[in-house]
C-alpha atoms as a PDB file:
ATOM      1  CA  MET A   1       0.044   0.152   0.018  1.00  0.00           C
ATOM      2  CA  GLN A   2       1.409   3.396  -0.982  1.00  0.00           C
ATOM      3  CA  HIS A   3       1.119   6.108   1.373  1.00  0.00           C
ATOM      4  CA  SER A   4       0.103   9.749   0.492  1.00  0.00           C
ATOM      5  CA  LEU A   5       1.698  12.904   1.305  1.00  0.00           C
ATOM      6  CA  LEU A   6       0.477  16.682   0.857  1.00  0.00           C
ATOM      7  CA  ILE A   7       2.965  19.222   0.547  1.00  0.00           C
ATOM      8  CA  VAL A   8       1.832  22.830   1.243  1.00  0.00           C
ATOM      9  CA  SER A   9       4.401  25.338   0.236  1.00  0.00           C
ATOM     10  CA  GLY A  10       4.800  28.747  -1.424  1.00  0.00           C
ATOM     11  CA  GLN A  11       8.304  27.706  -2.477  1.00  0.00           C
ATOM     12  CA  GLU A  12       8.525  25.939  -5.787  1.00  0.00           C
ATOM     13  CA  LYS A  13      12.151  24.706  -5.031  1.00  0.00           C
ATOM     14  CA  PHE A  14      11.328  23.117  -1.866  1.00  0.00           C
ATOM     15  CA  GLU A  15       8.156  21.206  -3.121  1.00  0.00           C
ATOM     16  CA  THR A  16      10.029  20.058  -6.216  1.00  0.00           C
ATOM     17  CA  LEU A  17      13.035  18.862  -4.286  1.00  0.00           C
ATOM     18  CA  VAL A  18      10.794  16.799  -1.743  1.00  0.00           C
ATOM     19  CA  LYS A  19       8.283  15.594  -4.409  1.00  0.00           C
ATOM     20  CA  ASN A  20      11.009  14.238  -6.802  1.00  0.00           C
ATOM     21  CA  SER A  21      12.874  12.544  -4.108  1.00  0.00           C
ATOM     22  CA  LEU A  22       9.835  10.527  -2.955  1.00  0.00           C
ATOM     23  CA  GLU A  23       8.293   9.846  -6.225  1.00  0.00           C
ATOM     24  CA  GLU A  24      11.533   8.671  -7.717  1.00  0.00           C
ATOM     25  CA  LYS A  25      11.791   5.991  -4.907  1.00  0.00           C
ATOM     26  CA  LYS A  26       8.075   5.186  -5.305  1.00  0.00           C
ATOM     27  CA  MET A  27       7.746   5.749  -1.586  1.00  0.00           C
ATOM     28  CA  MET A  28       4.593   8.000  -1.701  1.00  0.00           C
ATOM     29  CA  SER A  29       1.900   9.560  -3.835  1.00  0.00           C
ATOM     30  CA  VAL A  30       2.510  13.334  -3.475  1.00  0.00           C
ATOM     31  CA  GLU A  31       0.099  16.255  -4.107  1.00  0.00           C
ATOM     32  CA  THR A  32       1.094  19.849  -3.712  1.00  0.00           C
ATOM     33  CA  ARG A  33      -0.696  23.030  -2.851  1.00  0.00           C
ATOM     34  CA  HIS A  34       0.522  26.606  -2.743  1.00  0.00           C
ATOM     35  CA  SER A  35      -1.966  28.200  -0.303  1.00  0.00           C
ATOM     36  CA  ALA A  36      -3.633  27.295   3.023  1.00  0.00           C
ATOM     37  CA  ALA A  37      -7.097  27.589   1.546  1.00  0.00           C
ATOM     38  CA  SER A  38      -6.408  25.333  -1.257  1.00  0.00           C
ATOM     39  CA  ALA A  39      -4.712  22.664   1.149  1.00  0.00           C
ATOM     40  CA  ARG A  40      -7.806  22.733   3.490  1.00  0.00           C
ATOM     41  CA  ARG A  41      -9.851  21.864   0.426  1.00  0.00           C
ATOM     42  CA  ALA A  42      -7.605  18.824  -0.516  1.00  0.00           C
ATOM     43  CA  LEU A  43      -7.896  17.799   3.159  1.00  0.00           C
ATOM     44  CA  LEU A  44     -11.597  17.726   3.066  1.00  0.00           C
ATOM     45  CA  GLU A  45     -11.608  15.729  -0.186  1.00  0.00           C
ATOM     46  CA  ARG A  46      -9.345  13.023   0.868  1.00  0.00           C
ATOM     47  CA  TYR A  47      -7.054  11.538   3.599  1.00  0.00           C
ATOM     48  CA  PHE A  48      -3.270  11.850   3.469  1.00  0.00           C
ATOM     49  CA  ASP A  49      -0.761  10.050   5.658  1.00  0.00           C
ATOM     50  CA  LEU A  50       1.345  12.884   6.098  1.00  0.00           C
ATOM     51  CA  VAL A  51       1.016  16.727   5.630  1.00  0.00           C
ATOM     52  CA  LEU A  52       4.263  18.604   5.072  1.00  0.00           C
ATOM     53  CA  ILE A  53       3.794  22.355   5.517  1.00  0.00           C
ATOM     54  CA  ASN A  54       6.798  24.580   4.328  1.00  0.00           C
ATOM     55  CA  ALA A  55       5.895  27.801   6.527  1.00  0.00           C
ATOM     56  CA  PRO A  56       5.376  30.762   6.312  1.00  0.00           C
ATOM     57  CA  LEU A  57       2.842  30.339   3.479  1.00  0.00           C
ATOM     58  CA  PRO A  58       2.019  33.223   1.365  1.00  0.00           C
ATOM     59  CA  ASP A  59      -1.370  33.741   2.725  1.00  0.00           C
ATOM     60  CA  GLU A  60      -0.929  32.748   6.427  1.00  0.00           C
ATOM     61  CA  ASN A  61       1.789  31.215   8.691  1.00  0.00           C
ATOM     62  CA  GLY A  62       0.868  27.640   8.318  1.00  0.00           C
ATOM     63  CA  VAL A  63       0.573  26.961  11.994  1.00  0.00           C
ATOM     64  CA  ALA A  64      -3.165  27.167  12.080  1.00  0.00           C
ATOM     65  CA  LEU A  65      -3.355  24.733   9.092  1.00  0.00           C
ATOM     66  CA  ALA A  66      -1.063  22.359  10.800  1.00  0.00           C
ATOM     67  CA  LEU A  67      -2.973  22.182  14.016  1.00  0.00           C
ATOM     68  CA  ASP A  68      -6.217  21.984  12.130  1.00  0.00           C
ATOM     69  CA  ALA A  69      -4.996  18.851  10.082  1.00  0.00           C
ATOM     70  CA  ALA A  70      -3.501  17.274  13.258  1.00  0.00           C
ATOM     71  CA  GLU A  71      -6.349  17.733  15.526  1.00  0.00           C
ATOM     72  CA  ASN A  72      -9.385  17.278  13.317  1.00  0.00           C
ATOM     73  CA  ARG A  73      -8.119  14.627  10.884  1.00  0.00           C
ATOM     74  CA  GLN A  74      -5.675  12.813  12.942  1.00  0.00           C
ATOM     75  CA  MET A  75      -2.955  12.884  10.326  1.00  0.00           C
ATOM     76  CA  ALA A  76       0.840  13.277  10.747  1.00  0.00           C
ATOM     77  CA  VAL A  77       1.966  16.742  10.303  1.00  0.00           C
ATOM     78  CA  LEU A  78       5.369  18.131   9.781  1.00  0.00           C
ATOM     79  CA  LEU A  79       5.850  21.849   9.954  1.00  0.00           C
ATOM     80  CA  ALA A  80       8.994  23.037   8.332  1.00  0.00           C
ATOM     81  CA  VAL A  81       9.970  26.575   9.131  1.00  0.00           C
ATOM     82  CA  PRO A  82      12.767  28.012   6.931  1.00  0.00           C
END
């Protein structure tokens, strides 16, 4: 069973690095979102095993999104602050 990852990042270089690394090794299916609002919609539509948030996001700091995903959806969340 392949795990799923949602990357939320406003930095294309960061998301490309993570996504390419994991997909090359066929470790996870990866989706990316560039705003907290878009990420919230994705979280409502499906379950992800891991949510990786590269904060600060362009529209908010990412902390509220991380807490929401972890508390309400019981997903593992990694908040990366550059």
